[in-house]
Amino acid sequence: MSTSTPGTPSLLRAINDRAALEVLLERGPLTRPEIGALTGLSKPTASQLLTRLRDAGLVVADGIREGGPGRTAELYRINAAAAHVAALEVRRAQIRACVADLTGTVTGRFELPTPGPSGGDAIARARTAVEGAMADAGLDRVDRVVIGVPGAVDPRTERLGYASHLPGWHIPDLLSRLRAGIGVPVAVENDVNLVAMAELAHGPATTPRDFVLLWVSAGIGLAIVLGGTLVRGATGGAGEVGYMPVASAPLIREPGRTNTGGLQAVAGAPAVIRLLREHGFRGGRADQIVRRARAAYEDGDERARAGLRELATRLATGLAAIVSVLDPELIVLAGDVPLAGGEPLRTLAERELHTMTIPHPPLRLSSVDGNPVLAGALHLALGETREELFSSTVR
């Protein structure tokens, strides 16, 4: 029996292959000399590497680049069809699904509407959503699925928690049954955690590897990223700050049953609607009302100033407890409410927070376009799939 050890030819080949694949993912089609220059490999080594990767089905030729009179160079790119992954966002009203190839390009989408109050068979619905996105992409299989849910799966029991509003998903052995029902590796991840993964992957280059992301929409949640790694907690419930007691909310007992107290009671969407109604802003969803208040604030309306200032104080009160425990380098604000409040709400919340804490981490609005839950799920699925593929080029 033999194993690869540091310095062996097989290990060095694997390292070189991985470096070339990462460069091709980042830069797109490249010539052999360009791959060699970017990875520091000699021309013979780069040629051998490309042969191995083509034989493994991970790299394909991509035409010719004209380099001047009498000079041409063959281009190589990642074989996008070498693997595909699916991402699902599960909500009470619907399941959104998409499929992406190995480069991360989305090739298919599908939406599955609500089946009614009972929620239906979660396994069958997840499989139907995946199959719908596959059909839209013209595929008959995917290699991995990541599902985002507004809750958390306890890794010890495989039961979904923190999601009493999601009927049909509270079944024993959820992960095992999803994997058996869909037929490929499946992960179920908290949706706010996935938003943080999207922020880490697609946000500004200044995003640190130690930050927290506060999601404020119909519900409230927190993602904790330390060293670029999600902190999920022993039961998967790290960051469920909607249940966190705050001084301005009534103290509740058995929060998992009532689901009406804590930070959620003062800063979730229903509370935001009530707050801004008291200041004269009515009608529509919370984000629509916040957007109108923001426009009035920018026009100098005193009612809007008072309403947004109170909302900022409520958010800052919750964030102060988080900062006191975690001392994050950065706080990202995401979800319908902060994005609707924009820069005025961000500024007010940051100012309020810095009066309550010794550390003064900056607050920044999320900059991820599109659906951040699906973007984060694709990022997670692609990362694991690429790891498997890129680690298997040399045996």
Protein backbone atom coordinates (compact mmCIF):
# COMPACT_ATOMS: atom_id res chain seq x y z
CA MET A 1 0.00 0.00 0.00
CA SER A 2 1.30 3.47 -0.84
CA THR A 3 0.13 6.91 0.15
CA SER A 4 1.10 10.36 -1.07
CA THR A 5 3.53 12.18 1.20
CA PRO A 6 4.92 15.72 0.96
CA GLY A 7 7.24 16.04 -2.01
CA THR A 8 6.14 12.92 -3.90
CA PRO A 9 5.54 13.33 -7.65
CA SER A 10 1.83 12.48 -7.34
CA LEU A 11 1.30 15.12 -4.67
CA LEU A 12 3.18 17.76 -6.66
CA ARG A 13 1.12 16.92 -9.75
CA ALA A 14 -2.08 17.28 -7.72
CA ILE A 15 -0.95 20.65 -6.38
CA ASN A 16 -0.10 21.87 -9.88
CA ASP A 17 -3.39 20.59 -11.30
CA ARG A 18 -5.35 22.35 -8.58
CA ALA A 19 -3.47 25.61 -9.18
CA ALA A 20 -4.17 25.48 -12.92
CA LEU A 21 -7.85 24.73 -12.42
CA GLU A 22 -8.24 27.59 -9.96
CA VAL A 23 -6.54 29.98 -12.40
CA LEU A 24 -8.82 28.85 -15.24
CA LEU A 25 -11.89 29.35 -13.04
CA GLU A 26 -10.79 32.85 -12.10
CA ARG A 27 -9.40 34.07 -15.43
CA GLY A 28 -11.36 32.17 -18.08
CA PRO A 29 -9.83 30.72 -21.27
CA LEU A 30 -6.02 30.82 -21.24
CA THR A 31 -3.17 29.63 -23.40
CA ARG A 32 -0.59 27.12 -22.20
CA PRO A 33 2.11 29.83 -21.76
CA GLU A 34 -0.36 31.96 -19.79
CA ILE A 35 -1.23 29.03 -17.51
CA GLY A 36 2.47 28.38 -17.00
CA ALA A 37 3.20 32.02 -16.20
CA LEU A 38 0.29 32.37 -13.77
CA THR A 39 1.14 29.15 -11.92
CA GLY A 40 4.92 29.40 -12.14
CA LEU A 41 5.21 26.14 -14.09
CA SER A 42 7.61 25.39 -16.92
CA LYS A 43 6.30 24.83 -20.46
CA PRO A 44 6.81 21.03 -20.35
CA THR A 45 5.10 20.79 -16.95
CA ALA A 46 2.20 22.95 -18.13
CA SER A 47 1.80 20.77 -21.24
CA GLN A 48 1.74 17.56 -19.19
CA LEU A 49 -0.73 19.14 -16.78
CA LEU A 50 -3.12 20.14 -19.57
CA THR A 51 -2.99 16.63 -21.01
CA ARG A 52 -3.92 15.15 -17.64
CA LEU A 53 -6.77 17.60 -17.13
CA ARG A 54 -8.14 17.02 -20.64
CA ASP A 55 -8.01 13.26 -20.13
CA ALA A 56 -9.88 13.72 -16.83
CA GLY A 57 -12.58 15.71 -18.60
CA LEU A 58 -12.00 18.85 -16.55
CA VAL A 59 -10.44 21.03 -19.26
CA VAL A 60 -11.36 21.42 -22.94
CA ALA A 61 -9.85 23.28 -25.86
CA ASP A 62 -11.52 26.62 -26.58
CA GLY A 63 -10.28 27.75 -29.96
CA ILE A 64 -7.22 29.64 -31.09
CA ARG A 65 -5.86 33.01 -30.06
CA GLU A 66 -4.08 34.96 -32.75
CA GLY A 67 -0.79 36.19 -31.38
CA GLY A 68 0.52 38.14 -34.36
CA PRO A 69 1.83 37.28 -37.83
CA GLY A 70 2.33 33.55 -38.08
CA ARG A 71 1.73 32.97 -34.34
CA THR A 72 -1.26 31.24 -32.82
CA ALA A 73 -1.89 29.65 -29.44
CA GLU A 74 -4.55 27.16 -28.42
CA LEU A 75 -6.89 28.28 -25.65
CA TYR A 76 -8.08 26.07 -22.79
CA ARG A 77 -10.99 26.48 -20.41
CA ILE A 78 -12.74 24.64 -17.62
CA ASN A 79 -15.18 22.03 -18.91
CA ALA A 80 -18.35 23.60 -17.56
CA ALA A 81 -20.31 20.39 -18.20
CA ALA A 82 -18.01 18.29 -15.98
CA ALA A 83 -20.43 18.76 -13.08
CA HIS A 84 -23.68 20.51 -12.20
CA VAL A 85 -25.19 21.50 -8.87
CA ALA A 86 -28.64 22.58 -7.74
CA ALA A 87 -29.69 25.17 -5.16
CA LEU A 88 -33.11 25.45 -3.52
CA GLU A 89 -34.68 28.18 -1.41
CA VAL A 90 -37.59 26.83 0.62
CA ARG A 91 -40.30 29.22 1.76
CA ARG A 92 -43.80 28.67 3.09
CA ALA A 93 -45.27 29.94 -0.17
CA GLN A 94 -42.91 28.35 -2.69
CA ILE A 95 -39.64 26.64 -3.49
CA ARG A 96 -37.24 28.40 -5.84
CA ALA A 97 -34.63 26.25 -7.55
CA CYS A 98 -31.75 26.79 -9.93
CA VAL A 99 -29.02 24.70 -11.53
CA ALA A 100 -25.47 25.84 -12.33
CA ASP A 101 -22.55 24.28 -14.19
CA LEU A 102 -19.03 23.85 -12.82
CA THR A 103 -18.12 27.48 -13.60
CA GLY A 104 -21.09 28.77 -11.60
CA THR A 105 -23.15 29.81 -14.62
CA VAL A 106 -26.86 29.33 -13.93
CA THR A 107 -28.37 27.19 -16.69
CA GLY A 108 -31.85 26.41 -15.37
CA ARG A 109 -34.52 27.76 -12.99
CA PHE A 110 -37.82 26.54 -11.58
CA GLU A 111 -40.45 27.67 -9.06
CA LEU A 112 -42.80 25.34 -7.23
CA PRO A 113 -45.85 27.02 -5.63
CA THR A 114 -47.28 26.23 -2.22
CA PRO A 115 -49.30 23.01 -1.92
CA GLY A 116 -51.57 24.34 0.84
CA PRO A 117 -51.55 24.58 4.64
CA SER A 118 -50.23 21.04 5.17
CA GLY A 119 -47.04 21.76 3.24
CA GLY A 120 -47.19 18.46 1.35
CA ASP A 121 -44.46 15.84 1.15
CA ALA A 122 -41.21 17.76 1.64
CA ILE A 123 -39.06 15.09 0.01
CA ALA A 124 -41.27 14.85 -3.07
CA ARG A 125 -41.50 18.63 -3.38
CA ALA A 126 -37.73 19.07 -3.13
CA ARG A 127 -37.21 16.39 -5.78
CA THR A 128 -39.81 18.01 -8.04
CA ALA A 129 -38.08 21.40 -7.72
CA VAL A 130 -34.68 19.91 -8.56
CA GLU A 131 -36.10 18.01 -11.52
CA GLY A 132 -37.85 21.14 -12.78
CA ALA A 133 -34.62 23.15 -12.75
CA MET A 134 -32.77 20.24 -14.38
CA ALA A 135 -35.36 20.06 -17.14
CA ASP A 136 -35.06 23.80 -17.76
CA ALA A 137 -31.28 23.31 -18.10
CA GLY A 138 -31.65 20.28 -20.35
CA LEU A 139 -30.02 17.96 -17.79
CA ASP A 140 -30.88 14.50 -16.53
CA ARG A 141 -28.83 14.68 -13.31
CA VAL A 142 -26.90 16.94 -10.96
CA ASP A 143 -23.98 16.09 -8.67
CA ARG A 144 -25.02 17.86 -5.49
CA VAL A 145 -27.92 19.83 -3.97
CA VAL A 146 -27.87 22.52 -1.26
CA ILE A 147 -31.21 23.58 0.23
CA GLY A 148 -31.70 26.86 2.08
CA VAL A 149 -34.39 26.89 4.77
CA PRO A 150 -35.62 29.52 7.27
CA GLY A 151 -34.52 27.37 10.20
CA ALA A 152 -31.74 24.97 11.15
CA VAL A 153 -31.22 21.22 11.04
CA ASP A 154 -29.85 19.70 14.24
CA PRO A 155 -26.89 17.58 13.06
CA ARG A 156 -27.45 15.12 15.90
CA THR A 157 -31.08 14.32 15.08
CA GLU A 158 -31.47 15.51 11.45
CA ARG A 159 -34.62 17.35 12.52
CA LEU A 160 -35.51 20.83 11.37
CA GLY A 161 -35.91 23.39 14.15
CA TYR A 162 -36.59 27.14 14.44
CA ALA A 163 -39.09 26.84 11.57
CA SER A 164 -42.56 26.16 12.96
CA HIS A 165 -43.93 28.23 10.05
CA LEU A 166 -42.65 25.67 7.48
CA PRO A 167 -45.17 22.81 7.36
CA GLY A 168 -44.22 19.41 6.00
CA TRP A 169 -40.50 19.65 6.78
CA HIS A 170 -40.55 18.52 10.41
CA ILE A 171 -39.90 14.86 9.78
CA PRO A 172 -37.40 12.39 11.27
CA ASP A 173 -34.10 11.81 9.45
CA LEU A 174 -34.71 14.75 7.12
CA LEU A 175 -31.22 14.78 5.59
CA SER A 176 -31.06 11.03 5.04
CA ARG A 177 -34.49 11.00 3.43
CA LEU A 178 -33.66 13.94 1.16
CA ARG A 179 -30.48 12.22 0.01
CA ALA A 180 -32.32 8.99 -0.66
CA GLY A 181 -35.21 10.77 -2.39
CA ILE A 182 -33.10 12.97 -4.65
CA GLY A 183 -30.33 10.44 -5.16
CA VAL A 184 -27.27 12.70 -4.74
CA PRO A 185 -25.46 14.35 -1.81
CA VAL A 186 -27.79 16.92 -0.19
CA ALA A 187 -27.07 19.57 2.44
CA VAL A 188 -29.70 21.65 4.25
CA GLU A 189 -28.44 25.04 5.44
CA ASN A 190 -29.95 28.01 7.23
CA ASP A 191 -30.91 30.64 4.67
CA VAL A 192 -29.21 33.54 6.49
CA ASN A 193 -26.00 31.52 6.66
CA LEU A 194 -26.22 31.11 2.90
CA VAL A 195 -26.64 34.87 2.47
CA ALA A 196 -23.39 35.32 4.41
CA MET A 197 -21.68 32.79 2.13
CA ALA A 198 -22.87 34.79 -0.88
CA GLU A 199 -21.52 37.95 0.72
CA LEU A 200 -18.17 36.28 1.30
CA ALA A 201 -18.03 35.03 -2.28
CA HIS A 202 -19.54 37.94 -4.21
CA GLY A 203 -19.33 40.98 -1.94
CA PRO A 204 -16.63 43.65 -2.10
CA ALA A 205 -13.01 42.52 -1.83
CA THR A 206 -12.83 44.31 1.53
CA THR A 207 -15.21 41.81 3.16
CA PRO A 208 -13.18 40.33 6.04
CA ARG A 209 -13.16 36.66 6.98
CA ASP A 210 -14.52 37.57 10.43
CA PHE A 211 -17.93 39.25 10.26
CA VAL A 212 -21.58 38.89 11.16
CA LEU A 213 -24.57 39.41 8.88
CA LEU A 214 -27.89 40.57 10.31
CA TRP A 215 -30.90 39.68 8.16
CA VAL A 216 -34.05 41.72 8.80
CA SER A 217 -37.15 40.87 6.83
CA ALA A 218 -40.33 39.05 7.85
CA GLY A 219 -38.03 37.31 10.32
CA ILE A 220 -34.67 38.17 11.84
CA GLY A 221 -31.54 36.05 11.77
CA LEU A 222 -27.80 36.34 12.18
CA ALA A 223 -24.95 34.58 10.38
CA ILE A 224 -21.58 34.31 12.11
CA VAL A 225 -18.45 33.87 9.99
CA LEU A 226 -15.11 33.38 11.75
CA GLY A 227 -11.98 32.72 9.72
CA GLY A 228 -14.13 32.39 6.61
CA THR A 229 -16.06 29.52 8.25
CA LEU A 230 -19.70 29.50 9.31
CA VAL A 231 -20.40 29.02 13.01
CA ARG A 232 -23.52 26.84 13.24
CA GLY A 233 -23.59 25.85 16.92
CA ALA A 234 -24.20 22.49 18.58
CA THR A 235 -27.81 22.21 17.38
CA GLY A 236 -27.45 24.30 14.22
CA GLY A 237 -29.15 27.25 15.91
CA ALA A 238 -26.28 29.74 16.19
CA GLY A 239 -27.55 33.14 15.07
CA GLU A 240 -31.26 32.66 15.78
CA VAL A 241 -31.31 36.12 17.35
CA GLY A 242 -34.98 36.71 16.61
CA TYR A 243 -35.54 34.86 19.91
CA MET A 244 -32.89 36.90 21.75
CA PRO A 245 -34.35 38.85 24.70
CA VAL A 246 -33.93 42.62 24.46
CA ALA A 247 -34.83 45.24 27.02
CA SER A 248 -37.48 46.88 24.83
CA ALA A 249 -39.43 43.63 24.26
CA PRO A 250 -41.57 41.68 26.69
CA LEU A 251 -39.77 38.74 28.26
CA ILE A 252 -41.18 35.49 26.88
CA ARG A 253 -41.00 31.91 28.07
CA GLU A 254 -40.71 28.91 25.75
CA PRO A 255 -39.86 31.10 22.74
CA GLY A 256 -39.90 28.16 20.33
CA ARG A 257 -43.64 27.85 20.87
CA THR A 258 -44.78 31.44 20.97
CA ASN A 259 -42.27 32.89 18.46
CA THR A 260 -43.48 36.40 19.29
CA GLY A 261 -40.89 37.89 21.65
CA GLY A 262 -37.31 39.01 21.68
CA LEU A 263 -35.69 41.02 18.91
CA GLN A 264 -38.27 39.73 16.43
CA ALA A 265 -41.02 41.46 18.41
CA VAL A 266 -39.43 44.89 18.09
CA ALA A 267 -37.56 44.81 14.77
CA GLY A 268 -39.17 42.14 12.56
CA ALA A 269 -41.34 43.21 9.64
CA PRO A 270 -44.65 43.33 11.61
CA ALA A 271 -43.03 45.53 14.26
CA VAL A 272 -41.53 47.80 11.60
CA ILE A 273 -44.96 48.26 10.01
CA ARG A 274 -46.50 49.17 13.38
CA LEU A 275 -43.66 51.56 14.22
CA LEU A 276 -43.77 53.50 10.98
CA ARG A 277 -47.58 53.57 11.00
CA GLU A 278 -47.31 55.48 14.28
CA HIS A 279 -45.23 58.05 12.38
CA GLY A 280 -47.72 58.42 9.55
CA PHE A 281 -46.46 55.89 6.99
CA ARG A 282 -49.04 53.30 5.97
CA GLY A 283 -49.88 50.63 3.42
CA GLY A 284 -47.94 47.78 1.86
CA ARG A 285 -45.15 45.51 2.98
CA ALA A 286 -42.55 46.54 5.52
CA ASP A 287 -39.90 47.24 2.85
CA GLN A 288 -42.34 49.43 0.89
CA ILE A 289 -43.19 51.48 3.97
CA VAL A 290 -39.52 51.80 4.93
CA ARG A 291 -38.70 52.94 1.40
CA ARG A 292 -41.34 55.67 1.62
CA ALA A 293 -40.04 56.74 5.03
CA ARG A 294 -36.51 56.86 3.64
CA ALA A 295 -37.60 59.11 0.76
CA ALA A 296 -39.38 61.41 3.21
CA TYR A 297 -36.32 61.39 5.50
CA GLU A 298 -34.13 62.51 2.61
CA ASP A 299 -36.60 65.35 1.98
CA GLY A 300 -36.24 66.48 5.60
CA ASP A 301 -39.54 65.11 6.96
CA GLU A 302 -39.33 65.11 10.77
CA ARG A 303 -41.79 62.22 11.17
CA ALA A 304 -39.59 60.06 8.95
CA ARG A 305 -36.50 61.09 10.91
CA ALA A 306 -38.13 60.08 14.17
CA GLY A 307 -39.40 56.77 12.77
CA LEU A 308 -36.13 55.70 11.18
CA ARG A 309 -34.19 56.83 14.25
CA GLU A 310 -36.36 54.61 16.46
CA LEU A 311 -35.95 51.67 14.07
CA ALA A 312 -32.18 52.22 14.05
CA THR A 313 -32.15 52.22 17.85
CA ARG A 314 -34.01 48.92 17.97
CA LEU A 315 -31.59 47.32 15.54
CA ALA A 316 -28.61 48.76 17.39
CA THR A 317 -29.89 47.40 20.70
CA GLY A 318 -29.87 43.88 19.33
CA LEU A 319 -26.52 44.36 17.62
CA ALA A 320 -24.96 45.70 20.83
CA ALA A 321 -25.40 42.34 22.56
CA ILE A 322 -23.88 40.58 19.55
CA VAL A 323 -20.91 42.94 19.41
CA SER A 324 -20.29 42.51 23.13
CA VAL A 325 -20.00 38.73 22.71
CA LEU A 326 -18.33 38.35 19.31
CA ASP A 327 -16.47 41.65 18.70
CA PRO A 328 -16.80 41.27 14.90
CA GLU A 329 -14.64 43.16 12.45
CA LEU A 330 -17.66 44.06 10.31
CA ILE A 331 -21.46 43.92 10.45
CA VAL A 332 -23.35 43.43 7.18
CA LEU A 333 -27.01 44.47 7.08
CA ALA A 334 -29.14 42.41 4.70
CA GLY A 335 -32.80 41.67 4.01
CA ASP A 336 -35.73 43.73 2.79
CA VAL A 337 -35.83 46.21 5.68
CA PRO A 338 -32.18 47.38 5.80
CA LEU A 339 -31.90 47.54 2.01
CA ALA A 340 -35.11 49.59 1.81
CA GLY A 341 -33.77 51.92 4.53
CA GLY A 342 -30.53 52.29 2.60
CA GLU A 343 -27.77 54.60 3.64
CA PRO A 344 -29.89 56.74 6.01
CA LEU A 345 -30.92 53.71 8.12
CA ARG A 346 -27.40 52.26 7.99
CA THR A 347 -25.87 55.51 9.18
CA LEU A 348 -28.37 55.93 11.99
CA ALA A 349 -27.95 52.31 13.15
CA GLU A 350 -24.16 52.56 13.11
CA ARG A 351 -24.24 55.81 15.05
CA GLU A 352 -26.61 54.36 17.66
CA LEU A 353 -24.61 51.13 17.97
CA HIS A 354 -21.36 52.97 18.58
CA THR A 355 -22.90 54.79 21.54
CA MET A 356 -23.69 51.41 23.18
CA THR A 357 -20.50 49.40 22.66
CA ILE A 358 -16.77 49.72 23.25
CA PRO A 359 -15.79 48.10 19.92
CA HIS A 360 -17.01 50.14 16.97
CA PRO A 361 -17.32 47.77 14.00
CA PRO A 362 -18.51 49.42 10.80
CA LEU A 363 -21.93 48.60 9.38
CA ARG A 364 -22.27 47.95 5.65
CA LEU A 365 -25.27 47.19 3.49
CA SER A 366 -25.24 43.88 1.60
CA SER A 367 -24.11 44.23 -2.00
CA VAL A 368 -25.08 40.80 -3.38
CA ASP A 369 -27.34 41.08 -6.42
CA GLY A 370 -30.26 38.80 -7.17
CA ASN A 371 -31.38 36.09 -4.77
CA PRO A 372 -28.66 35.88 -2.08
CA VAL A 373 -29.96 32.59 -0.63
CA LEU A 374 -29.66 30.80 -3.96
CA ALA A 375 -26.31 32.48 -4.61
CA GLY A 376 -24.98 31.24 -1.28
CA ALA A 377 -26.35 27.74 -1.83
CA LEU A 378 -24.67 27.54 -5.24
CA HIS A 379 -21.43 28.78 -3.72
CA LEU A 380 -21.53 26.07 -1.08
CA ALA A 381 -22.47 23.32 -3.52
CA LEU A 382 -19.86 24.35 -6.07
CA GLY A 383 -17.15 24.59 -3.44
CA GLU A 384 -17.70 21.01 -2.29
CA THR A 385 -18.12 19.66 -5.82
CA ARG A 386 -14.97 21.34 -7.09
CA GLU A 387 -13.06 20.06 -4.08
CA GLU A 388 -14.04 16.51 -4.95
CA LEU A 389 -13.30 16.87 -8.67
CA PHE A 390 -10.08 18.81 -8.32
CA SER A 391 -8.75 16.37 -5.73
CA SER A 392 -9.34 13.37 -7.99
CA THR A 393 -7.24 14.27 -11.01
CA VAL A 394 -4.27 12.29 -9.76
CA ARG A 395 -4.64 8.89 -8.12
